[in-house]
Amino acid sequence: MAKQDVTVLVGTIDDGEKTYGPGDSLKMNDKEIPALVKAGIIKEGVEKKPFEMSDDRMIELFDAFDQLEKGNEAHWTNSNKPEVAALKDILDGDVSADERDHAWKQYQEENK
């Protein structure tokens, strides 16, 4: 039986292993989907949740951005974003590309 990605809109769906709530995505059997779409419980496809970050984490990343050297190729990607590896070195910890992208967008907006 074929499965496809869906996103929960309202209520919860329990697949026996996990309970999914609004905004969560999961794979469902094709036969189950039409009735749930019609009822407005799910929609077909995956909906990406808005990225959430604490203010403290945002401040840490902003401080790390300020420490990057403008001409240092090890600090910047080819698309002029801070290099994740450089941020990890500065913060002495893990930094994801999603975190970097979210904070970098905010940083650029605040430092125009």
Protein backbone atom coordinates (compact mmCIF):
# COMPACT_ATOMS: atom_id res chain seq x y z
CA MET A 1 0.00 0.00 0.00
CA ALA A 2 1.43 3.37 -1.02
CA LYS A 3 2.04 6.11 1.53
CA GLN A 4 2.43 9.84 1.14
CA ASP A 5 3.36 12.80 3.30
CA VAL A 6 0.58 14.76 4.99
CA THR A 7 0.44 17.57 7.56
CA VAL A 8 -1.96 17.58 10.51
CA LEU A 9 -4.13 20.73 10.58
CA VAL A 10 -6.36 20.14 13.62
CA GLY A 11 -6.69 17.53 16.34
CA THR A 12 -4.29 14.64 16.71
CA ILE A 13 -3.48 11.49 14.78
CA ASP A 14 -1.99 8.46 16.51
CA ASP A 15 -0.20 5.95 14.29
CA GLY A 16 0.35 3.47 17.10
CA GLU A 17 3.91 4.65 17.75
CA LYS A 18 3.56 8.42 18.00
CA THR A 19 0.86 11.05 18.33
CA TYR A 20 0.98 13.89 15.80
CA GLY A 21 -0.58 17.31 16.41
CA PRO A 22 -1.23 20.44 14.35
CA GLY A 23 1.78 21.29 12.16
CA ASP A 24 3.31 17.81 12.43
CA SER A 25 3.98 15.80 9.28
CA LEU A 26 3.70 12.06 8.84
CA LYS A 27 3.30 9.38 6.18
CA MET A 28 -0.19 7.94 5.73
CA ASN A 29 -1.73 5.22 3.58
CA ASP A 30 -3.29 6.62 0.40
CA LYS A 31 -6.69 5.11 1.27
CA GLU A 32 -6.94 7.03 4.58
CA ILE A 33 -6.11 10.46 3.15
CA PRO A 34 -9.18 11.60 1.14
CA ALA A 35 -11.66 11.41 4.04
CA LEU A 36 -9.29 13.22 6.43
CA VAL A 37 -8.56 15.95 3.85
CA LYS A 38 -12.29 16.41 3.23
CA ALA A 39 -12.89 16.69 7.00
CA GLY A 40 -10.16 19.37 7.23
CA ILE A 41 -8.03 17.32 9.62
CA ILE A 42 -4.99 17.00 7.34
CA LYS A 43 -3.64 18.39 4.12
CA GLU A 44 -1.51 16.62 1.58
CA GLY A 45 2.19 17.45 1.56
CA VAL A 46 4.62 18.54 4.23
CA GLU A 47 4.31 21.93 5.86
CA LYS A 48 7.52 23.20 7.36
CA LYS A 49 7.08 24.54 10.88
CA PRO A 50 8.38 28.02 11.60
CA PHE A 51 11.84 27.86 13.09
CA GLU A 52 11.91 28.71 16.79
CA MET A 53 14.96 29.94 18.68
CA SER A 54 15.38 31.32 22.18
CA ASP A 55 16.49 34.92 22.62
CA ASP A 56 19.63 33.71 24.43
CA ARG A 57 20.59 31.50 21.50
CA MET A 58 19.95 34.33 19.04
CA ILE A 59 22.25 36.60 21.08
CA GLU A 60 24.97 33.90 21.13
CA LEU A 61 24.83 33.62 17.35
CA PHE A 62 24.78 37.40 16.84
CA ASP A 63 27.90 37.65 19.03
CA ALA A 64 29.53 34.88 16.99
CA PHE A 65 28.67 36.70 13.73
CA ASP A 66 30.43 39.79 15.09
CA GLN A 67 33.59 37.74 15.66
CA LEU A 68 33.85 36.50 12.08
CA GLU A 69 36.59 38.05 9.96
CA LYS A 70 35.25 39.66 6.77
CA GLY A 71 38.09 38.52 4.47
CA ASN A 72 38.62 35.08 6.01
CA GLU A 73 37.35 32.47 3.52
CA ALA A 74 37.14 29.88 6.31
CA HIS A 75 34.49 32.04 7.98
CA TRP A 76 32.16 32.49 4.97
CA THR A 77 30.36 30.27 2.48
CA ASN A 78 30.35 30.98 -1.25
CA SER A 79 26.88 32.52 -0.78
CA ASN A 80 28.25 34.92 1.88
CA LYS A 81 26.69 33.21 4.88
CA PRO A 82 28.68 32.48 8.02
CA GLU A 83 30.36 29.09 7.78
CA VAL A 84 28.78 26.63 10.26
CA ALA A 85 32.20 25.20 11.16
CA ALA A 86 33.47 28.69 12.07
CA LEU A 87 30.43 29.30 14.27
CA LYS A 88 30.96 25.94 15.98
CA ASP A 89 34.57 26.92 16.73
CA ILE A 90 33.58 30.31 18.12
CA LEU A 91 30.75 28.96 20.25
CA ASP A 92 32.61 25.77 21.19
CA GLY A 93 29.48 23.77 20.47
CA ASP A 94 26.99 22.56 17.94
CA VAL A 95 25.34 24.90 15.43
CA SER A 96 22.98 23.72 12.71
CA ALA A 97 22.65 25.28 9.28
CA ASP A 98 18.97 25.98 10.10
CA GLU A 99 19.99 27.89 13.24
CA ARG A 100 22.61 29.81 11.31
CA ASP A 101 20.18 30.70 8.53
CA HIS A 102 17.43 31.83 10.90
CA ALA A 103 19.75 33.97 13.03
CA TRP A 104 21.66 35.31 10.01
CA LYS A 105 18.44 36.56 8.42
CA GLN A 106 17.53 38.37 11.65
CA TYR A 107 21.05 39.72 12.03
CA GLN A 108 21.04 41.15 8.52
CA GLU A 109 17.63 42.78 9.06
CA GLU A 110 18.79 44.42 12.29
CA ASN A 111 22.15 45.56 10.88
CA LYS A 112 21.13 47.19 7.60
